[in-house]
Amino acid sequence: MSEAAANLLVSGLGLYVALGLLVGLIYVFGGAGRIDPAAKGKGMPVRVRLMILPGVIGLWPLMLTKLFVQKEPPIS
């Protein structure tokens, strides 16, 4: 692998993680209540929100889609 390809790969991964962090913070502290009724308001403590943040960072394209597509929590 050339140095330019390695730099491109690392830059792409950094951009993915940066976008994931942005979407993750929006999801965890604002949008989670739109998808899960138990997460509304004070329903989910900050320590739990911080525990799910790494997963949301890794799966941010899926979570971003859920935030825009799903308008109300699913009926169980």
N, C-alpha and C. Protein backbone atom coordinates (compact mmCIF):
# COMPACT_ATOMS: atom_id res chain seq x y z
N MET A 1 0.86 -1.18 0.00
CA MET A 1 0.00 0.00 0.00
C MET A 1 0.90 1.23 0.00
N SER A 2 0.58 2.14 -0.86
CA SER A 2 1.40 3.36 -0.94
C SER A 2 1.04 4.30 0.20
N GLU A 3 1.90 5.26 0.41
CA GLU A 3 1.67 6.23 1.49
C GLU A 3 0.44 7.09 1.22
N ALA A 4 0.22 7.43 -0.03
CA ALA A 4 -0.96 8.24 -0.39
C ALA A 4 -2.25 7.46 -0.13
N ALA A 5 -2.25 6.18 -0.46
CA ALA A 5 -3.43 5.35 -0.21
C ALA A 5 -3.68 5.19 1.28
N ALA A 6 -2.61 5.03 2.05
CA ALA A 6 -2.75 4.91 3.50
C ALA A 6 -3.29 6.21 4.10
N ASN A 7 -2.79 7.34 3.62
CA ASN A 7 -3.29 8.63 4.11
C ASN A 7 -4.76 8.82 3.77
N LEU A 8 -5.15 8.42 2.58
CA LEU A 8 -6.55 8.51 2.16
C LEU A 8 -7.44 7.61 3.03
N LEU A 9 -6.97 6.41 3.32
CA LEU A 9 -7.71 5.49 4.16
C LEU A 9 -7.89 6.03 5.58
N VAL A 10 -6.84 6.55 6.15
CA VAL A 10 -6.90 7.10 7.51
C VAL A 10 -7.78 8.35 7.54
N SER A 11 -7.68 9.19 6.52
CA SER A 11 -8.52 10.39 6.47
C SER A 11 -10.00 10.02 6.33
N GLY A 12 -10.29 9.01 5.51
CA GLY A 12 -11.67 8.55 5.35
C GLY A 12 -12.22 7.98 6.64
N LEU A 13 -11.41 7.21 7.34
CA LEU A 13 -11.84 6.65 8.62
C LEU A 13 -12.05 7.76 9.65
N GLY A 14 -11.20 8.74 9.65
CA GLY A 14 -11.36 9.87 10.57
C GLY A 14 -12.62 10.66 10.28
N LEU A 15 -12.93 10.86 9.01
CA LEU A 15 -14.16 11.55 8.62
C LEU A 15 -15.39 10.75 9.04
N TYR A 16 -15.34 9.42 8.86
CA TYR A 16 -16.44 8.56 9.26
C TYR A 16 -16.69 8.66 10.77
N VAL A 17 -15.63 8.62 11.55
CA VAL A 17 -15.77 8.70 13.01
C VAL A 17 -16.24 10.10 13.44
N ALA A 18 -15.75 11.14 12.78
CA ALA A 18 -16.18 12.50 13.13
C ALA A 18 -17.66 12.69 12.84
N LEU A 19 -18.12 12.23 11.68
CA LEU A 19 -19.55 12.31 11.37
C LEU A 19 -20.35 11.43 12.32
N GLY A 20 -19.80 10.28 12.67
CA GLY A 20 -20.47 9.40 13.62
C GLY A 20 -20.61 10.03 14.99
N LEU A 21 -19.60 10.75 15.43
CA LEU A 21 -19.67 11.43 16.72
C LEU A 21 -20.73 12.52 16.70
N LEU A 22 -20.79 13.26 15.62
CA LEU A 22 -21.80 14.32 15.49
C LEU A 22 -23.21 13.72 15.50
N VAL A 23 -23.44 12.72 14.68
CA VAL A 23 -24.76 12.08 14.63
C VAL A 23 -25.05 11.38 15.96
N GLY A 24 -24.03 10.78 16.56
CA GLY A 24 -24.21 10.09 17.84
C GLY A 24 -24.65 11.02 18.95
N LEU A 25 -24.04 12.18 19.03
CA LEU A 25 -24.43 13.14 20.07
C LEU A 25 -25.84 13.66 19.83
N ILE A 26 -26.18 13.91 18.57
CA ILE A 26 -27.54 14.35 18.26
C ILE A 26 -28.54 13.25 18.61
N TYR A 27 -28.20 12.01 18.27
CA TYR A 27 -29.11 10.89 18.53
C TYR A 27 -29.26 10.63 20.03
N VAL A 28 -28.14 10.53 20.71
CA VAL A 28 -28.17 10.14 22.12
C VAL A 28 -28.84 11.19 23.00
N PHE A 29 -28.56 12.47 22.75
CA PHE A 29 -29.10 13.50 23.62
C PHE A 29 -30.35 14.18 23.07
N GLY A 30 -30.80 13.81 21.88
CA GLY A 30 -31.98 14.45 21.34
C GLY A 30 -32.93 13.52 20.63
N GLY A 31 -32.41 12.68 19.77
CA GLY A 31 -33.28 11.89 18.91
C GLY A 31 -33.69 10.54 19.43
N ALA A 32 -33.06 10.05 20.47
CA ALA A 32 -33.40 8.72 20.97
C ALA A 32 -34.84 8.65 21.46
N GLY A 33 -35.35 9.73 21.98
CA GLY A 33 -36.73 9.76 22.48
C GLY A 33 -37.76 9.64 21.37
N ARG A 34 -37.38 10.01 20.14
CA ARG A 34 -38.30 9.87 19.01
C ARG A 34 -38.44 8.42 18.60
N ILE A 35 -37.42 7.60 18.85
CA ILE A 35 -37.43 6.20 18.43
C ILE A 35 -37.85 5.28 19.57
N ASP A 36 -37.43 5.58 20.78
CA ASP A 36 -37.74 4.74 21.94
C ASP A 36 -38.43 5.59 23.00
N PRO A 37 -39.68 5.27 23.36
CA PRO A 37 -40.39 6.08 24.35
C PRO A 37 -39.74 6.07 25.73
N ALA A 38 -38.99 5.02 26.06
CA ALA A 38 -38.33 4.95 27.36
C ALA A 38 -37.17 5.94 27.46
N ALA A 39 -36.71 6.46 26.34
CA ALA A 39 -35.58 7.38 26.33
C ALA A 39 -36.00 8.84 26.37
N LYS A 40 -37.29 9.11 26.42
CA LYS A 40 -37.76 10.50 26.43
C LYS A 40 -37.45 11.17 27.76
N GLY A 41 -37.06 12.42 27.68
CA GLY A 41 -36.84 13.23 28.88
C GLY A 41 -35.79 12.64 29.78
N LYS A 42 -36.15 12.42 31.02
CA LYS A 42 -35.22 11.88 32.02
C LYS A 42 -35.34 10.36 32.13
N GLY A 43 -35.97 9.72 31.15
CA GLY A 43 -36.17 8.27 31.19
C GLY A 43 -34.89 7.47 31.09
N MET A 44 -33.87 8.02 30.45
CA MET A 44 -32.61 7.31 30.28
C MET A 44 -31.49 8.14 30.89
N PRO A 45 -30.81 7.61 31.92
CA PRO A 45 -29.74 8.37 32.57
C PRO A 45 -28.58 8.67 31.61
N VAL A 46 -27.80 9.67 31.94
CA VAL A 46 -26.68 10.08 31.10
C VAL A 46 -25.66 8.96 30.97
N ARG A 47 -25.44 8.19 32.01
CA ARG A 47 -24.46 7.11 31.92
C ARG A 47 -24.88 6.05 30.91
N VAL A 48 -26.17 5.81 30.78
CA VAL A 48 -26.67 4.87 29.78
C VAL A 48 -26.53 5.47 28.39
N ARG A 49 -26.82 6.75 28.27
CA ARG A 49 -26.65 7.42 26.98
C ARG A 49 -25.20 7.36 26.52
N LEU A 50 -24.26 7.54 27.44
CA LEU A 50 -22.84 7.49 27.08
C LEU A 50 -22.40 6.06 26.76
N MET A 51 -23.09 5.06 27.32
CA MET A 51 -22.74 3.68 27.01
C MET A 51 -23.17 3.29 25.59
N ILE A 52 -24.27 3.86 25.10
CA ILE A 52 -24.70 3.51 23.75
C ILE A 52 -24.05 4.39 22.68
N LEU A 53 -23.38 5.43 23.09
CA LEU A 53 -22.74 6.34 22.13
C LEU A 53 -21.74 5.65 21.20
N PRO A 54 -20.84 4.77 21.68
CA PRO A 54 -19.92 4.12 20.73
C PRO A 54 -20.63 3.29 19.66
N GLY A 55 -21.69 2.62 20.03
CA GLY A 55 -22.44 1.85 19.04
C GLY A 55 -23.10 2.74 18.01
N VAL A 56 -23.62 3.87 18.46
CA VAL A 56 -24.25 4.81 17.53
C VAL A 56 -23.19 5.42 16.61
N ILE A 57 -22.01 5.67 17.14
CA ILE A 57 -20.92 6.21 16.30
C ILE A 57 -20.57 5.22 15.20
N GLY A 58 -20.52 3.95 15.53
CA GLY A 58 -20.18 2.94 14.53
C GLY A 58 -21.28 2.70 13.51
N LEU A 59 -22.52 2.83 13.93
CA LEU A 59 -23.66 2.56 13.06
C LEU A 59 -24.40 3.83 12.67
N TRP A 60 -23.71 4.94 12.57
CA TRP A 60 -24.37 6.22 12.36
C TRP A 60 -25.19 6.30 11.08
N PRO A 61 -24.83 5.65 9.98
CA PRO A 61 -25.72 5.76 8.81
C PRO A 61 -27.11 5.16 9.09
N LEU A 62 -27.15 4.04 9.79
CA LEU A 62 -28.43 3.42 10.14
C LEU A 62 -29.22 4.31 11.10
N MET A 63 -28.56 4.86 12.10
CA MET A 63 -29.24 5.71 13.08
C MET A 63 -29.74 7.00 12.45
N LEU A 64 -28.98 7.56 11.53
CA LEU A 64 -29.41 8.77 10.83
C LEU A 64 -30.64 8.49 9.98
N THR A 65 -30.67 7.33 9.35
CA THR A 65 -31.84 6.94 8.57
C THR A 65 -33.05 6.77 9.48
N LYS A 66 -32.87 6.14 10.64
CA LYS A 66 -33.97 5.97 11.58
C LYS A 66 -34.49 7.32 12.08
N LEU A 67 -33.60 8.26 12.31
CA LEU A 67 -34.03 9.57 12.79
C LEU A 67 -34.89 10.29 11.77
N PHE A 68 -34.58 10.15 10.48
CA PHE A 68 -35.34 10.86 9.46
C PHE A 68 -36.57 10.11 9.00
N VAL A 69 -36.54 8.78 8.99
CA VAL A 69 -37.64 8.00 8.45
C VAL A 69 -38.71 7.73 9.50
N GLN A 70 -38.31 7.31 10.69
CA GLN A 70 -39.27 6.92 11.71
C GLN A 70 -39.82 8.16 12.43
N LYS A 71 -41.12 8.37 12.33
CA LYS A 71 -41.74 9.55 12.91
C LYS A 71 -42.24 9.34 14.34
N GLU A 72 -42.62 8.14 14.67
CA GLU A 72 -43.10 7.86 16.02
C GLU A 72 -42.61 6.49 16.45
N PRO A 73 -42.57 6.24 17.76
CA PRO A 73 -42.09 4.95 18.25
C PRO A 73 -42.96 3.81 17.75
N PRO A 74 -42.37 2.63 17.51
CA PRO A 74 -43.16 1.48 17.06
C PRO A 74 -44.12 1.01 18.17
N ILE A 75 -45.24 0.48 17.76
CA ILE A 75 -46.22 -0.05 18.71
C ILE A 75 -45.89 -1.49 18.98
N SER A 76 -45.72 -1.83 20.26
CA SER A 76 -45.37 -3.21 20.60
C SER A 76 -46.55 -3.97 21.13
